[in-house]
Structure formats: structure tokens, C-alpha cells
Amino acid sequence: MSYVEKLDIDLNKTDFFITHMHADHSGNISNLATENSKVYCHKIDAEIISNSENWDRLLKSAVRHGFPLNEDAIKLHPGFKYRDLGWQDFVYVKDQDVITIGDYNFTCIHTPGHTKGHMCLYEKDKKILISGDHILFKITPNISIWTDEYDALADYLNNLDKVGELEVNLVLPAHRIIFTDLKGRIKELKQHHDRRLNEVLEILARGSQNAYEIAAQMKWDLTYREFEDFPIPQKWFATGEALAHIKYLTSQGLVKVHQSPDKVLYSLV
């Protein structure tokens, strides 16, 4: 018996809200949604969920940034392993759309950063924020990029301020525990990224390097002694996060980019 059956949920009367495209949030949707279900998602992330052709492009970009050329990087990636293989007719939502369920009126809040199409839900009267992976407690959301075209960290920090303006008494994140002090947690997340940015600058003071080399020298909350001992997916997440911080510093004029057809290096200005 599945957990859905144990909870006695009638899927024919169930709608779904996909906060973002990552497989741990969308990977089983085609098995759960029925012909009567509405599946809400921002268009940007919905199109990524429906497109399986992004992985080759991501791997090519990762290799340019120093990631070892290894097909296992994709085969072992949880986003690839657990991606949704079915087809879903999404109902697109955008910033400030309202979804009414019973006496709950949820306002959709577009919060790009963790992904471009990340969405939160805010119930103004009940002062509840469903934060997805935008704001987590005890752990920090992974802010990653594999392209120089998008400043994910700048978006993320701006959208921390965006939700920080809301009157919230209860935050319901997608992982770990619920919490109440939204503004306090936002302050902690900003401090975390300030430390990360300074860490990258300190590493680049040793000379020009690629994103993989920078990630290998950053401090990560994992039990492995050496970066080379990390599982491949963890190396992937770490390098993507290093690159997001490098991109932010580049946009701020503190780091410069050195590109060639097969590699990308970074140095201090």
C-alpha cells in the first residue's frame, strides 16, 4: 500500500502545485495527477520538466568549467535519475495569481534564484508562506548555475527581500522543519552568502582558477575529508554553487572572466 493510500487521499479530487522543476518536487507528478487534476507550475520550470534535452548541454558547460568529463555526472544526478518521464498538461501560474482552495486564498509569489521559475504561495489572511526551496530552515537552498547568462544569486537575494516584506507567522518549507521567524532566517541566509562570496575572493587571491578548482577549496558541510571523496552529485552541486557566487562577483566587477572554446577561468580584477 502506498502512502497516498494510507492517507486515504482521493487523487481524483486532488490538484498539485509544483514550486519548481527539481525532480524531488516534480518527478512523480505524472503518476499522481489524474485527468481531473490541475497541476500548477510557472511556465519557465514547466517547460524544463517537459524537456529532457537539457542534460547534454549542462554537461558540456560543466566540462568547460573544469568538471571531469564523466557520463556518470549525468547518470548519477538525482535530477536525471528521478525526472518525470510522463507528459503533463500544466496550468501556468505567474506572480500575483491567486489560487483559492476552500477558505484559503493563496497568492503566487515568483521567487527565481533556486530555479528561474521557483514559486512560493502566500496566504495573507492566515499569514502563511509555503516557501518551497526558496527559504529553508537549518539548511541553505542550493543556488547553482551552469551558464554565464544568468545571475541566480542576485535574483535569489533580491527575492529574499521580496518575501521578507510579507507579514508571515508560519513558514512551511519543502524540506526539514517548519518555522516562524521569517525575517530572522532571511538575515541568516544573507550572512551565509556574504561568507561564501568572501571565501571565493580569498581563493581567487591565490591565482586564476576554474569553477571546479574553486569549489574544491570551499568549505562544505559534509563528512568527507577531501573534495575528491565527494560523491559525484555532491561535486556537481558544489561546483554549480561556486559558479553562482563567481557570477555574482563578476557582475559586481570584482572578478573577471577568461574564456576560450574549451575552458573558462576566473581571476580577481
Protein backbone atom coordinates (compact mmCIF):
# COMPACT_ATOMS: atom_id res chain seq x y z
CA MET A 1 0.00 0.00 0.00
CA SER A 2 1.33 3.44 -0.92
CA TYR A 3 1.50 6.37 1.47
CA VAL A 4 -1.16 8.10 -0.61
CA GLU A 5 -3.49 5.16 0.03
CA LYS A 6 -2.62 5.13 3.73
CA LEU A 7 -3.59 8.79 3.95
CA ASP A 8 -6.86 7.98 2.15
CA ILE A 9 -6.32 10.73 -0.44
CA ASP A 10 -8.66 10.74 -3.41
CA LEU A 11 -6.37 11.73 -6.28
CA ASN A 12 -9.41 12.37 -8.48
CA LYS A 13 -10.16 15.31 -6.19
CA THR A 14 -6.56 16.47 -5.81
CA ASP A 15 -4.76 19.34 -7.50
CA PHE A 16 -0.98 19.87 -7.36
CA PHE A 17 1.22 22.94 -7.06
CA ILE A 18 4.80 22.45 -8.31
CA THR A 19 7.00 25.04 -6.59
CA HIS A 20 9.84 24.34 -9.04
CA MET A 21 11.18 21.87 -11.55
CA HIS A 22 13.65 19.84 -9.48
CA ALA A 23 12.92 16.12 -9.51
CA ASP A 24 12.31 15.85 -5.77
CA HIS A 25 9.40 18.24 -6.31
CA SER A 26 8.11 17.18 -9.73
CA GLY A 27 9.49 13.72 -10.50
CA ASN A 28 6.39 11.68 -9.69
CA ILE A 29 3.71 14.06 -10.90
CA SER A 30 2.59 12.06 -13.94
CA ASN A 31 1.97 9.07 -11.64
CA LEU A 32 -0.10 11.11 -9.19
CA ALA A 33 -2.09 13.54 -11.30
CA THR A 34 -5.37 12.26 -12.73
CA GLU A 35 -7.40 13.56 -15.65
CA ASN A 36 -9.34 15.62 -13.10
CA SER A 37 -6.23 17.18 -11.54
CA LYS A 38 -4.89 20.65 -12.12
CA VAL A 39 -1.10 20.84 -11.94
CA TYR A 40 0.09 24.39 -11.33
CA CYS A 41 3.63 25.49 -12.23
CA HIS A 42 5.45 28.54 -13.54
CA LYS A 43 5.89 28.28 -17.31
CA ILE A 44 9.71 28.50 -17.18
CA ASP A 45 10.08 25.46 -14.93
CA ALA A 46 7.17 23.57 -16.50
CA GLU A 47 8.93 23.69 -19.87
CA ILE A 48 12.13 22.33 -18.31
CA ILE A 49 10.22 19.48 -16.66
CA SER A 50 8.80 18.58 -20.07
CA ASN A 51 12.17 18.80 -21.86
CA SER A 52 14.73 16.02 -21.43
CA GLU A 53 17.28 17.53 -23.82
CA ASN A 54 18.95 19.90 -21.34
CA TRP A 55 21.33 17.36 -19.82
CA ASP A 56 23.87 17.17 -22.68
CA ARG A 57 24.08 20.96 -22.76
CA LEU A 58 24.60 21.10 -18.99
CA LEU A 59 27.39 18.51 -19.12
CA LYS A 60 29.22 20.40 -21.89
CA SER A 61 29.04 23.59 -19.84
CA ALA A 62 30.22 21.80 -16.70
CA VAL A 63 33.27 20.40 -18.52
CA ARG A 64 34.20 23.91 -19.72
CA HIS A 65 34.16 24.97 -16.07
CA GLY A 66 36.57 22.21 -15.09
CA PHE A 67 34.21 19.38 -14.13
CA PRO A 68 35.76 15.99 -15.01
CA LEU A 69 34.34 14.59 -18.24
CA ASN A 70 32.36 11.68 -16.90
CA GLU A 71 28.97 10.48 -18.10
CA ASP A 72 28.20 9.34 -14.55
CA ALA A 73 27.85 13.02 -13.65
CA ILE A 74 24.54 12.92 -15.50
CA LYS A 75 23.55 9.29 -14.91
CA LEU A 76 24.05 9.68 -11.15
CA HIS A 77 22.46 13.12 -10.91
CA PRO A 78 19.21 12.81 -8.92
CA GLY A 79 17.53 15.30 -11.23
CA PHE A 80 18.18 12.91 -14.14
CA LYS A 81 17.55 9.65 -12.28
CA TYR A 82 14.23 10.73 -10.79
CA ARG A 83 12.94 13.07 -13.50
CA ASP A 84 9.33 12.75 -14.60
CA LEU A 85 9.15 10.65 -17.76
CA GLY A 86 5.47 11.20 -18.41
CA TRP A 87 3.65 14.09 -20.04
CA GLN A 88 1.77 16.69 -18.05
CA ASP A 89 -0.64 19.42 -19.14
CA PHE A 90 0.39 22.18 -16.74
CA VAL A 91 -1.67 25.16 -15.66
CA TYR A 92 0.81 28.03 -15.83
CA VAL A 93 0.88 30.47 -12.93
CA LYS A 94 2.65 33.81 -12.64
CA ASP A 95 3.45 36.34 -9.95
CA GLN A 96 0.36 37.57 -8.04
CA ASP A 97 -2.02 34.94 -9.44
CA VAL A 98 -4.46 33.72 -6.76
CA ILE A 99 -5.47 30.10 -6.21
CA THR A 100 -8.49 29.57 -3.95
CA ILE A 101 -8.87 26.27 -2.09
CA GLY A 102 -11.76 26.27 0.41
CA ASP A 103 -11.30 29.32 2.61
CA TYR A 104 -7.61 29.65 1.67
CA ASN A 105 -6.64 32.26 -0.92
CA PHE A 106 -3.04 31.63 -1.96
CA THR A 107 -1.17 34.34 -3.83
CA CYS A 108 1.57 33.03 -6.13
CA ILE A 109 4.92 34.71 -5.47
CA HIS A 110 7.54 34.32 -8.20
CA THR A 111 10.91 33.89 -6.47
CA PRO A 112 13.61 33.00 -9.03
CA GLY A 113 17.04 32.06 -7.73
CA HIS A 114 16.94 28.41 -6.70
CA THR A 115 15.42 27.95 -10.17
CA LYS A 116 14.24 30.56 -12.67
CA GLY A 117 10.62 29.57 -12.24
CA HIS A 118 10.51 28.99 -8.49
CA MET A 119 7.17 29.90 -6.91
CA CYS A 120 6.03 30.38 -3.31
CA LEU A 121 2.45 30.57 -2.04
CA TYR A 122 1.30 33.23 0.43
CA GLU A 123 -1.95 33.22 2.40
CA LYS A 124 -2.32 36.84 3.51
CA ASP A 125 -5.21 36.44 5.96
CA LYS A 126 -3.71 33.42 7.71
CA LYS A 127 -0.15 34.79 7.37
CA ILE A 128 1.22 31.51 5.99
CA LEU A 129 4.10 31.24 3.49
CA ILE A 130 4.67 27.98 1.61
CA SER A 131 8.29 28.65 0.72
CA GLY A 132 9.27 25.64 -1.39
CA ASP A 133 13.06 25.62 -1.60
CA HIS A 134 13.35 29.41 -1.58
CA ILE A 135 13.75 29.57 2.19
CA LEU A 136 14.68 26.55 4.30
CA PHE A 137 15.47 26.29 8.00
CA LYS A 138 18.76 24.81 9.29
CA ILE A 139 19.95 24.11 5.73
CA THR A 140 20.58 26.58 2.91
CA PRO A 141 19.00 26.23 -0.54
CA ASN A 142 21.45 25.32 -3.27
CA ILE A 143 21.90 28.28 -5.62
CA SER A 144 23.58 26.92 -8.74
CA ILE A 145 24.13 27.88 -12.36
CA TRP A 146 25.93 26.33 -15.34
CA THR A 147 25.75 29.34 -17.63
CA ASP A 148 27.21 32.84 -17.52
CA GLU A 149 23.93 34.22 -18.85
CA TYR A 150 22.05 34.13 -15.55
CA ASP A 151 22.92 35.70 -12.19
CA ALA A 152 21.00 33.29 -9.96
CA LEU A 153 22.43 34.60 -6.70
CA ALA A 154 21.43 38.21 -7.48
CA ASP A 155 17.89 37.00 -8.20
CA TYR A 156 17.87 34.90 -5.06
CA LEU A 157 19.00 37.72 -2.76
CA ASN A 158 16.50 40.13 -4.31
CA ASN A 159 13.69 37.66 -3.77
CA LEU A 160 14.66 37.10 -0.14
CA ASP A 161 13.82 40.79 0.26
CA LYS A 162 10.63 40.31 -1.73
CA VAL A 163 9.17 37.71 0.64
CA GLY A 164 10.72 39.49 3.63
CA GLU A 165 8.19 42.27 3.10
CA LEU A 166 5.28 39.88 3.71
CA GLU A 167 3.56 39.57 7.08
CA VAL A 168 4.18 35.92 7.97
CA ASN A 169 3.58 33.95 11.17
CA LEU A 170 4.28 30.46 9.81
CA VAL A 171 6.69 29.26 7.11
CA LEU A 172 6.13 25.84 5.52
CA PRO A 173 9.31 24.89 3.60
CA ALA A 174 9.72 21.90 1.31
CA HIS A 175 12.46 20.27 3.43
CA ARG A 176 13.18 19.78 7.12
CA ILE A 177 11.17 21.64 9.75
CA ILE A 178 8.59 24.41 9.75
CA PHE A 179 9.48 27.69 11.43
CA THR A 180 8.09 31.11 12.37
CA ASP A 181 10.89 33.71 12.24
CA LEU A 182 10.96 34.52 8.52
CA LYS A 183 12.88 37.78 8.79
CA GLY A 184 15.46 36.23 11.12
CA ARG A 185 16.05 33.34 8.72
CA ILE A 186 16.41 35.71 5.77
CA LYS A 187 19.09 37.60 7.68
CA GLU A 188 20.96 34.33 8.32
CA LEU A 189 20.76 33.33 4.65
CA LYS A 190 22.16 36.67 3.54
CA GLN A 191 25.03 36.33 6.00
CA HIS A 192 25.72 32.83 4.68
CA HIS A 193 26.07 34.09 1.12
CA ASP A 194 28.23 37.02 2.22
CA ARG A 195 30.63 34.50 3.77
CA ARG A 196 30.56 32.42 0.60
CA LEU A 197 31.36 35.43 -1.58
CA ASN A 198 34.29 36.41 0.63
CA GLU A 199 35.50 32.81 0.56
CA VAL A 200 35.58 32.82 -3.25
CA LEU A 201 37.53 36.09 -3.26
CA GLU A 202 40.07 34.64 -0.82
CA ILE A 203 40.52 31.57 -3.04
CA LEU A 204 40.97 33.65 -6.19
CA ALA A 205 43.62 35.72 -4.42
CA ARG A 206 45.82 32.62 -4.95
CA GLY A 207 45.57 32.96 -8.74
CA SER A 208 43.23 32.34 -11.68
CA GLN A 209 41.22 29.11 -11.46
CA ASN A 210 38.19 27.38 -12.88
CA ALA A 211 34.92 26.86 -11.02
CA TYR A 212 35.67 23.23 -10.16
CA GLU A 213 39.02 24.17 -8.61
CA ILE A 214 37.37 26.94 -6.61
CA ALA A 215 34.63 24.62 -5.36
CA ALA A 216 37.28 22.11 -4.25
CA GLN A 217 38.74 24.70 -1.87
CA MET A 218 35.46 25.93 -0.39
CA LYS A 219 34.13 24.68 2.94
CA TRP A 220 31.18 22.30 2.66
CA ASP A 221 29.07 20.80 5.42
CA LEU A 222 29.84 17.20 4.52
CA THR A 223 31.67 14.46 6.40
CA TYR A 224 34.25 13.75 3.68
CA ARG A 225 37.84 14.82 4.36
CA GLU A 226 38.72 15.72 0.78
CA PHE A 227 36.71 17.20 -2.09
CA GLU A 228 37.77 14.33 -4.35
CA ASP A 229 36.00 11.95 -1.95
CA PHE A 230 32.64 13.67 -2.50
CA PRO A 231 30.05 11.66 -4.42
CA ILE A 232 29.79 12.91 -7.99
CA PRO A 233 26.37 14.55 -7.48
CA GLN A 234 27.73 16.49 -4.49
CA LYS A 235 30.67 17.70 -6.60
CA TRP A 236 28.12 18.81 -9.19
CA PHE A 237 26.06 20.79 -6.67
CA ALA A 238 29.18 22.32 -5.11
CA THR A 239 30.63 23.43 -8.45
CA GLY A 240 27.31 24.87 -9.59
CA GLU A 241 27.02 26.83 -6.35
CA ALA A 242 30.60 28.07 -6.63
CA LEU A 243 29.81 29.25 -10.15
CA ALA A 244 26.70 31.14 -8.96
CA HIS A 245 28.83 33.07 -6.47
CA ILE A 246 31.53 33.70 -9.07
CA LYS A 247 28.91 35.07 -11.47
CA TYR A 248 27.61 37.44 -8.79
CA LEU A 249 31.13 38.70 -8.11
CA THR A 250 31.69 39.12 -11.85
CA SER A 251 28.52 41.21 -12.08
CA GLN A 252 29.79 43.32 -9.20
CA GLY A 253 33.03 44.00 -11.08
CA LEU A 254 35.21 42.11 -8.58
CA VAL A 255 36.08 39.08 -10.72
CA LYS A 256 36.95 38.84 -14.42
CA VAL A 257 36.34 36.01 -16.86
CA HIS A 258 38.89 34.43 -19.20
CA GLN A 259 37.16 32.30 -21.84
CA SER A 260 38.38 30.00 -24.57
CA PRO A 261 36.38 27.47 -26.61
CA ASP A 262 37.17 24.63 -24.19
CA LYS A 263 37.59 26.26 -20.77
CA VAL A 264 36.65 29.17 -18.53
CA LEU A 265 38.95 30.64 -15.88
CA TYR A 266 38.36 33.38 -13.31
CA SER A 267 40.66 35.84 -11.58
CA LEU A 268 40.41 38.90 -9.37
CA VAL A 269 40.08 42.22 -11.13
